[in-house]
Protein backbone atom coordinates (compact mmCIF):
# COMPACT_ATOMS: atom_id res chain seq x y z
CA MET A 1 -78.03 -181.30 107.40
CA LYS A 2 -79.31 -184.80 107.90
CA LYS A 3 -80.57 -186.32 104.67
CA TRP A 4 -82.93 -189.17 103.89
CA GLN A 5 -82.38 -190.54 100.44
CA LEU A 6 -82.54 -193.64 98.31
CA VAL A 7 -79.58 -194.72 96.20
CA GLY A 8 -80.31 -193.20 92.79
CA SER A 9 -84.04 -193.20 92.09
CA THR A 10 -84.70 -196.78 93.13
CA THR A 11 -83.70 -198.95 96.04
CA VAL A 12 -83.65 -202.72 95.68
CA LEU A 13 -83.66 -204.96 98.68
CA GLY A 14 -83.52 -208.57 97.76
CA THR A 15 -80.07 -209.69 98.80
CA ALA A 16 -79.95 -213.21 100.12
CA LEU A 17 -79.12 -213.06 103.78
CA LEU A 18 -77.86 -216.12 105.58
CA LEU A 19 -79.89 -216.85 108.67
CA GLY A 20 -78.13 -219.17 111.05
CA ALA A 21 -80.08 -222.01 112.56
CA CYS A 22 -80.69 -221.60 116.27
CA GLY A 23 -79.85 -224.45 118.56
CA GLY A 24 -81.99 -225.13 121.61
CA ALA A 25 -82.82 -227.50 124.41
CA ALA A 26 -85.23 -230.35 124.03
CA ASP A 27 -88.07 -228.44 125.68
CA LYS A 28 -87.95 -225.89 122.82
CA SER A 29 -88.53 -228.47 120.10
CA ASP A 30 -92.06 -227.23 119.33
CA THR A 31 -90.83 -223.68 118.86
CA LYS A 32 -87.98 -224.90 116.63
CA SER A 33 -90.42 -226.88 114.54
CA GLU A 34 -92.70 -223.87 114.13
CA ASP A 35 -89.81 -221.58 113.20
CA LYS A 36 -88.53 -224.10 110.70
CA GLY A 37 -91.95 -224.21 109.06
CA THR A 38 -92.02 -220.44 108.83
CA ASP A 39 -88.52 -220.31 107.36
CA THR A 40 -89.44 -222.97 104.80
CA ALA A 41 -92.55 -221.02 103.78
CA ALA A 42 -90.49 -217.86 103.39
CA LYS A 43 -87.93 -219.64 101.23
CA ASP A 44 -90.72 -220.94 98.99
CA ILE A 45 -91.79 -217.37 98.13
CA LYS A 46 -89.79 -215.90 95.27
CA GLY A 47 -90.32 -213.09 92.83
CA GLU A 48 -90.12 -209.38 92.11
CA VAL A 49 -92.20 -206.46 93.36
CA ASN A 50 -92.08 -203.00 91.77
CA GLY A 51 -93.26 -199.77 93.37
CA ASP A 52 -92.78 -196.04 92.90
CA GLY A 53 -94.17 -192.73 94.09
CA SER A 54 -93.97 -190.36 97.03
CA THR A 55 -90.64 -189.41 98.57
CA THR A 56 -92.60 -188.68 101.75
CA VAL A 57 -93.96 -192.22 102.02
CA ALA A 58 -90.75 -193.91 100.85
CA PRO A 59 -88.91 -193.83 104.23
CA VAL A 60 -91.72 -195.85 105.85
CA VAL A 61 -91.84 -198.46 103.08
CA GLU A 62 -88.06 -198.61 102.94
CA LYS A 63 -87.89 -199.29 106.68
CA ILE A 64 -90.40 -202.13 106.26
CA ASN A 65 -88.54 -203.47 103.24
CA GLU A 66 -85.28 -203.73 105.17
CA GLN A 67 -86.91 -206.18 107.58
CA PHE A 68 -88.86 -207.94 104.82
CA ALA A 69 -85.64 -208.68 102.93
CA THR A 70 -84.19 -210.58 105.89
CA GLU A 71 -87.28 -212.79 106.17
CA TYR A 72 -87.93 -213.23 102.45
CA PRO A 73 -84.47 -213.23 100.86
CA ASP A 74 -85.68 -214.48 97.49
CA VAL A 75 -88.06 -211.60 96.93
CA THR A 76 -86.70 -208.43 95.32
CA VAL A 77 -88.62 -205.24 96.07
CA SER A 78 -87.83 -202.09 94.08
CA ILE A 79 -88.98 -198.72 95.47
CA GLY A 80 -88.73 -195.73 93.12
CA THR A 81 -89.13 -192.12 94.22
CA SER A 82 -90.64 -190.25 91.28
CA GLY A 83 -93.02 -188.34 93.54
CA THR A 84 -96.72 -189.04 94.01
CA GLY A 85 -97.69 -187.77 90.55
CA GLY A 86 -94.82 -189.53 88.81
CA GLY A 87 -95.62 -192.71 90.69
CA PHE A 88 -99.24 -192.66 89.54
CA GLU A 89 -98.09 -192.16 85.93
CA LYS A 90 -96.11 -195.41 86.16
CA PHE A 91 -98.98 -197.14 87.99
CA ILE A 92 -101.41 -196.14 85.22
CA ALA A 93 -98.92 -197.28 82.58
CA GLY A 94 -98.88 -200.72 84.21
CA GLU A 95 -95.20 -200.50 85.16
CA THR A 96 -95.63 -200.96 88.93
CA ASP A 97 -97.45 -203.15 91.44
CA PHE A 98 -97.95 -200.35 93.95
CA SER A 99 -97.79 -196.59 94.15
CA ASN A 100 -96.85 -194.63 97.28
CA ALA A 101 -98.82 -191.39 97.70
CA SER A 102 -98.84 -188.45 100.09
CA ARG A 103 -102.30 -187.39 98.91
CA ASP A 104 -105.55 -188.98 97.76
CA ILE A 105 -105.68 -190.25 94.22
CA LYS A 106 -107.08 -187.58 91.85
CA ASP A 107 -110.27 -188.03 89.83
CA GLU A 108 -108.33 -187.88 86.56
CA GLU A 109 -105.97 -190.60 87.83
CA LYS A 110 -108.95 -192.76 88.79
CA LYS A 111 -110.39 -192.26 85.30
CA ALA A 112 -107.08 -193.15 83.64
CA LEU A 113 -106.87 -196.38 85.66
CA GLU A 114 -110.48 -197.18 84.83
CA ASP A 115 -109.78 -196.67 81.13
CA LYS A 116 -106.85 -199.09 81.42
CA LYS A 117 -109.08 -201.52 83.34
CA ILE A 118 -106.68 -201.45 86.28
CA GLU A 119 -108.41 -202.10 89.59
CA TYR A 120 -106.67 -201.08 92.80
CA THR A 121 -107.03 -201.00 96.57
CA GLU A 122 -106.13 -198.04 98.78
CA PHE A 123 -104.27 -198.69 102.03
CA LYS A 124 -103.35 -196.13 104.70
CA ILE A 125 -100.00 -196.68 106.43
CA ALA A 126 -99.27 -193.57 108.52
CA SER A 127 -100.16 -189.96 109.31
CA ASP A 128 -98.03 -186.96 108.45
CA GLY A 129 -98.07 -183.34 109.49
CA LEU A 130 -96.93 -181.20 106.57
CA THR A 131 -94.52 -178.90 108.38
CA VAL A 132 -93.92 -175.26 107.51
CA ALA A 133 -90.46 -174.13 108.65
CA VAL A 134 -88.34 -170.99 108.58
CA ASN A 135 -84.66 -170.37 109.17
CA LYS A 136 -83.62 -171.11 112.75
CA ASP A 137 -82.39 -167.50 113.17
CA ASN A 138 -85.79 -166.09 112.23
CA ASP A 139 -86.91 -164.26 115.38
CA PHE A 140 -90.21 -162.79 114.18
CA VAL A 141 -92.32 -165.68 112.80
CA ASP A 142 -93.92 -167.81 115.49
CA TYR A 143 -97.18 -168.68 113.75
CA LEU A 144 -98.87 -168.06 110.41
CA THR A 145 -102.52 -168.13 109.40
CA PHE A 146 -103.79 -169.79 106.24
CA ASP A 147 -104.36 -166.34 104.72
CA GLU A 148 -100.76 -165.37 105.46
CA LEU A 149 -99.46 -168.60 103.95
CA LYS A 150 -101.59 -167.88 100.90
CA LYS A 151 -100.05 -164.39 100.57
CA ILE A 152 -96.58 -165.92 100.67
CA TYR A 153 -97.11 -168.84 98.30
CA SER A 154 -99.37 -167.05 95.82
CA GLY A 155 -96.62 -164.50 95.30
CA GLU A 156 -98.79 -161.65 96.56
CA ALA A 157 -96.40 -160.88 99.42
CA LYS A 158 -92.94 -159.88 98.25
CA THR A 159 -91.53 -159.00 101.70
CA TRP A 160 -92.29 -160.28 105.17
CA LYS A 161 -93.84 -156.88 105.97
CA ASP A 162 -96.42 -157.61 103.24
CA VAL A 163 -97.43 -160.66 105.24
CA ARG A 164 -97.88 -158.90 108.57
CA ALA A 165 -97.34 -155.22 109.36
CA ASP A 166 -94.98 -155.80 112.28
CA PHE A 167 -92.70 -158.13 110.30
CA PRO A 168 -89.48 -156.67 108.82
CA ALA A 169 -89.36 -155.43 105.22
CA GLU A 170 -87.09 -158.30 104.13
CA GLU A 171 -87.59 -160.07 100.82
CA ILE A 172 -89.23 -163.48 101.27
CA LYS A 173 -87.33 -166.51 100.01
CA ALA A 174 -90.06 -169.13 99.53
CA PHE A 175 -89.22 -172.75 98.70
CA SER A 176 -91.52 -175.58 97.67
CA PRO A 177 -91.61 -179.11 96.26
CA ASP A 178 -92.33 -179.22 92.54
CA GLN A 179 -95.53 -180.44 90.90
CA SER A 180 -94.41 -184.07 90.84
CA HIS A 181 -94.95 -184.25 94.61
CA GLY A 182 -98.16 -185.02 96.45
CA THR A 183 -96.95 -182.53 99.05
CA TYR A 184 -97.25 -179.79 96.41
CA ASP A 185 -100.81 -180.86 95.57
CA PHE A 186 -101.85 -181.13 99.21
CA PHE A 187 -100.53 -177.67 100.09
CA SER A 188 -102.03 -176.14 96.94
CA GLU A 189 -105.44 -177.58 97.75
CA GLU A 190 -105.45 -176.82 101.48
CA VAL A 191 -103.86 -173.35 101.39
CA LEU A 192 -104.30 -171.93 97.88
CA ASP A 193 -107.67 -173.41 96.90
CA LYS A 194 -105.84 -175.47 94.24
CA GLY A 195 -104.00 -172.40 92.96
CA GLU A 196 -100.46 -172.54 91.59
CA ILE A 197 -97.63 -172.18 94.10
CA THR A 198 -95.22 -169.31 93.49
CA ALA A 199 -91.84 -170.28 94.94
CA GLU A 200 -88.46 -171.73 94.07
CA LYS A 201 -89.44 -175.35 93.39
CA ASN A 202 -87.33 -178.46 93.59
CA ALA A 203 -87.96 -182.18 93.16
CA ASP A 204 -85.51 -183.01 95.97
CA THR A 205 -86.92 -182.36 99.45
CA ASN A 206 -83.43 -182.35 100.90
CA VAL A 207 -82.60 -179.35 98.71
CA ILE A 208 -85.68 -177.50 100.02
CA VAL A 209 -84.61 -178.15 103.62
CA LYS A 210 -81.08 -176.95 102.87
CA SER A 211 -82.37 -173.82 101.12
CA VAL A 212 -84.37 -172.79 104.20
CA GLN A 213 -81.35 -173.44 106.39
CA ASP A 214 -79.14 -171.27 104.18
CA ASN A 215 -81.53 -168.30 103.82
CA LYS A 216 -82.35 -166.17 106.87
CA ALA A 217 -85.54 -164.95 105.17
CA GLY A 218 -86.37 -168.44 103.91
CA ILE A 219 -89.56 -170.48 104.34
CA GLY A 220 -90.42 -173.94 103.08
CA PHE A 221 -92.69 -176.91 103.70
CA PHE A 222 -92.16 -180.68 103.70
CA GLY A 223 -93.13 -183.89 105.46
CA TYR A 224 -92.89 -184.11 109.25
CA ASN A 225 -89.99 -186.56 109.17
CA PHE A 226 -87.84 -184.20 107.09
CA TYR A 227 -88.35 -181.56 109.79
CA GLN A 228 -87.62 -184.06 112.58
CA GLU A 229 -84.35 -185.07 110.92
CA ASN A 230 -83.27 -181.41 110.69
CA LYS A 231 -85.05 -179.73 113.61
CA ASP A 232 -81.80 -178.49 115.17
CA ASN A 233 -81.28 -176.32 112.10
CA LEU A 234 -84.86 -175.23 111.41
CA LYS A 235 -87.70 -173.46 113.20
CA ALA A 236 -91.16 -174.99 112.79
CA VAL A 237 -94.02 -172.55 112.36
CA LYS A 238 -97.29 -173.01 114.20
CA ILE A 239 -100.35 -172.94 111.93
CA GLN A 240 -103.44 -171.00 112.94
CA LYS A 241 -106.67 -172.04 111.28
CA GLU A 242 -109.46 -169.57 110.61
CA GLY A 243 -111.66 -169.10 113.67
CA LYS A 244 -108.99 -170.33 116.08
CA GLU A 245 -107.30 -168.06 118.63
CA GLU A 246 -103.82 -169.56 118.45
CA GLY A 247 -101.55 -171.58 116.23
CA VAL A 248 -100.98 -175.31 116.56
CA GLU A 249 -97.55 -176.92 116.41
CA ALA A 250 -96.95 -180.13 114.45
CA THR A 251 -96.33 -182.86 117.04
CA GLU A 252 -97.10 -186.56 117.20
CA GLU A 253 -100.11 -185.82 119.37
CA THR A 254 -101.58 -183.00 117.22
CA VAL A 255 -101.03 -184.93 114.00
CA LYS A 256 -102.63 -188.06 115.45
CA ASP A 257 -105.72 -186.28 116.80
CA GLY A 258 -106.03 -184.09 113.69
CA SER A 259 -105.82 -180.78 115.54
CA TYR A 260 -102.78 -179.78 113.49
CA PRO A 261 -104.35 -178.08 110.45
CA LEU A 262 -102.00 -179.63 107.88
CA SER A 263 -102.31 -183.24 109.02
CA ARG A 264 -102.74 -185.83 106.28
CA PRO A 265 -102.77 -189.61 105.77
CA LEU A 266 -100.10 -191.42 103.75
CA PHE A 267 -101.15 -194.11 101.29
CA ILE A 268 -100.12 -197.13 99.29
CA TYR A 269 -102.24 -197.92 96.22
CA ALA A 270 -101.94 -201.58 95.23
CA LYS A 271 -102.88 -203.16 91.91
CA ASN A 272 -105.47 -205.87 92.52
CA ASP A 273 -104.30 -208.13 89.69
CA SER A 274 -100.78 -208.11 91.13
CA LEU A 275 -102.11 -208.93 94.59
CA LYS A 276 -103.92 -211.92 93.12
CA SER A 277 -101.27 -213.23 90.74
CA ASN A 278 -98.01 -212.28 92.48
CA GLU A 279 -97.61 -214.14 95.78
CA ALA A 280 -94.47 -212.16 96.54
CA PHE A 281 -96.38 -208.87 96.29
CA ASN A 282 -99.32 -210.09 98.35
CA THR A 283 -96.91 -211.28 101.01
CA PHE A 284 -95.08 -207.94 100.94
CA MET A 285 -98.32 -205.96 101.36
CA LYS A 286 -99.42 -208.15 104.26
CA PHE A 287 -96.00 -207.70 105.88
CA THR A 288 -96.23 -203.94 105.26
CA LEU A 289 -99.59 -203.56 107.00
CA GLU A 290 -98.45 -205.72 109.91
CA ASN A 291 -95.32 -203.62 110.43
CA ALA A 292 -96.42 -200.14 109.34
CA LYS A 293 -97.16 -198.96 112.87
CA ASP A 294 -93.62 -199.54 114.11
CA ALA A 295 -91.98 -198.45 110.85
CA SER A 296 -93.89 -195.17 110.63
CA LYS A 297 -92.79 -194.19 114.11
CA LYS A 298 -89.16 -195.13 113.44
CA SER A 299 -89.30 -193.13 110.20
CA GLY A 300 -90.42 -189.95 111.97
CA TYR A 301 -94.13 -190.16 111.16
CA VAL A 302 -97.21 -190.84 113.25
CA PRO A 303 -98.71 -194.36 113.42
CA LEU A 304 -102.40 -194.88 112.77
CA GLU A 305 -104.81 -196.50 115.21
CA ASP A 306 -104.58 -200.30 115.35
CA LYS A 307 -108.10 -200.65 113.96
CA VAL A 308 -107.06 -198.92 110.72
CA TYR A 309 -104.33 -201.47 110.06
CA GLU A 310 -106.72 -204.30 111.02
CA GLU A 311 -109.34 -203.01 108.57
CA ASP A 312 -106.74 -202.74 105.82
CA LEU A 313 -105.59 -206.31 106.42
CA LYS A 314 -109.20 -207.39 105.95
CA LYS A 315 -109.34 -205.40 102.70
CA LEU A 316 -106.18 -207.17 101.54
CA GLU A 317 -107.65 -210.57 102.34
CA GLU A 318 -110.79 -209.75 100.36
CA VAL A 319 -108.77 -209.02 97.22
CA LYS A 320 -107.57 -212.62 96.92
């Protein structure tokens, strides 16, 4: 199984990288001068940036941070992976500059931030298609309706035959992220009307993927990139929305146009005071928005339209 993971619970990219000076002919002197100015500006920016939150969003931000570290070697960016809920807890406690989230911020989280007088700005960085998958040897599930998913993850259905009459009478092995994940909240809201998920839960998405791979009667759900990394060993399930005649597969196209029923945006919530007072963080957020399109695609997610990133860059500028 292919795994995406951070080292421990936090990755730090701030190692000083030596960038060799490029020699050139006389007719490239203007370019050299411009590059030198850019390098000097980068070297003048120093500091620390702290973030935490969604394991779904982390691969995108990590990809961006790898490039950022080469251009801003004196800035250290820490990215924790406590899950969306855990990330917001640290954000509310004032421990982080930004919080990665695979769902919208909840009303109670907004209230907690308001009580702490913490103002923030929401940025969208990519789209995800929450992917439902079964074991690759499963030869009877091609698509599932929302009602059928609800039967499975509410615990109502004990066997696959309870889900649909022509399915075999095999015990269902359902797997799910735990409550610290925005993926849990999103699925609960979209499929179970905010009801509690009944399944074997785990904080580590890689464990959920492995569990589905190891159980012929298994089913699980996770971010699109986790499926992409392991698609040779999993079978994605098409999702049929009420009133539709057929199920829709999670693909870049269906996630981007929203026709896949479990499509969702991915967010970064940034603390306004940090954006104003911490030049390193403001620079990192600007770099993130400028590079999110390419990074989201390389990370296995779906880039947003250019206008979304342009609007978010304007929002960032207005915070100053």
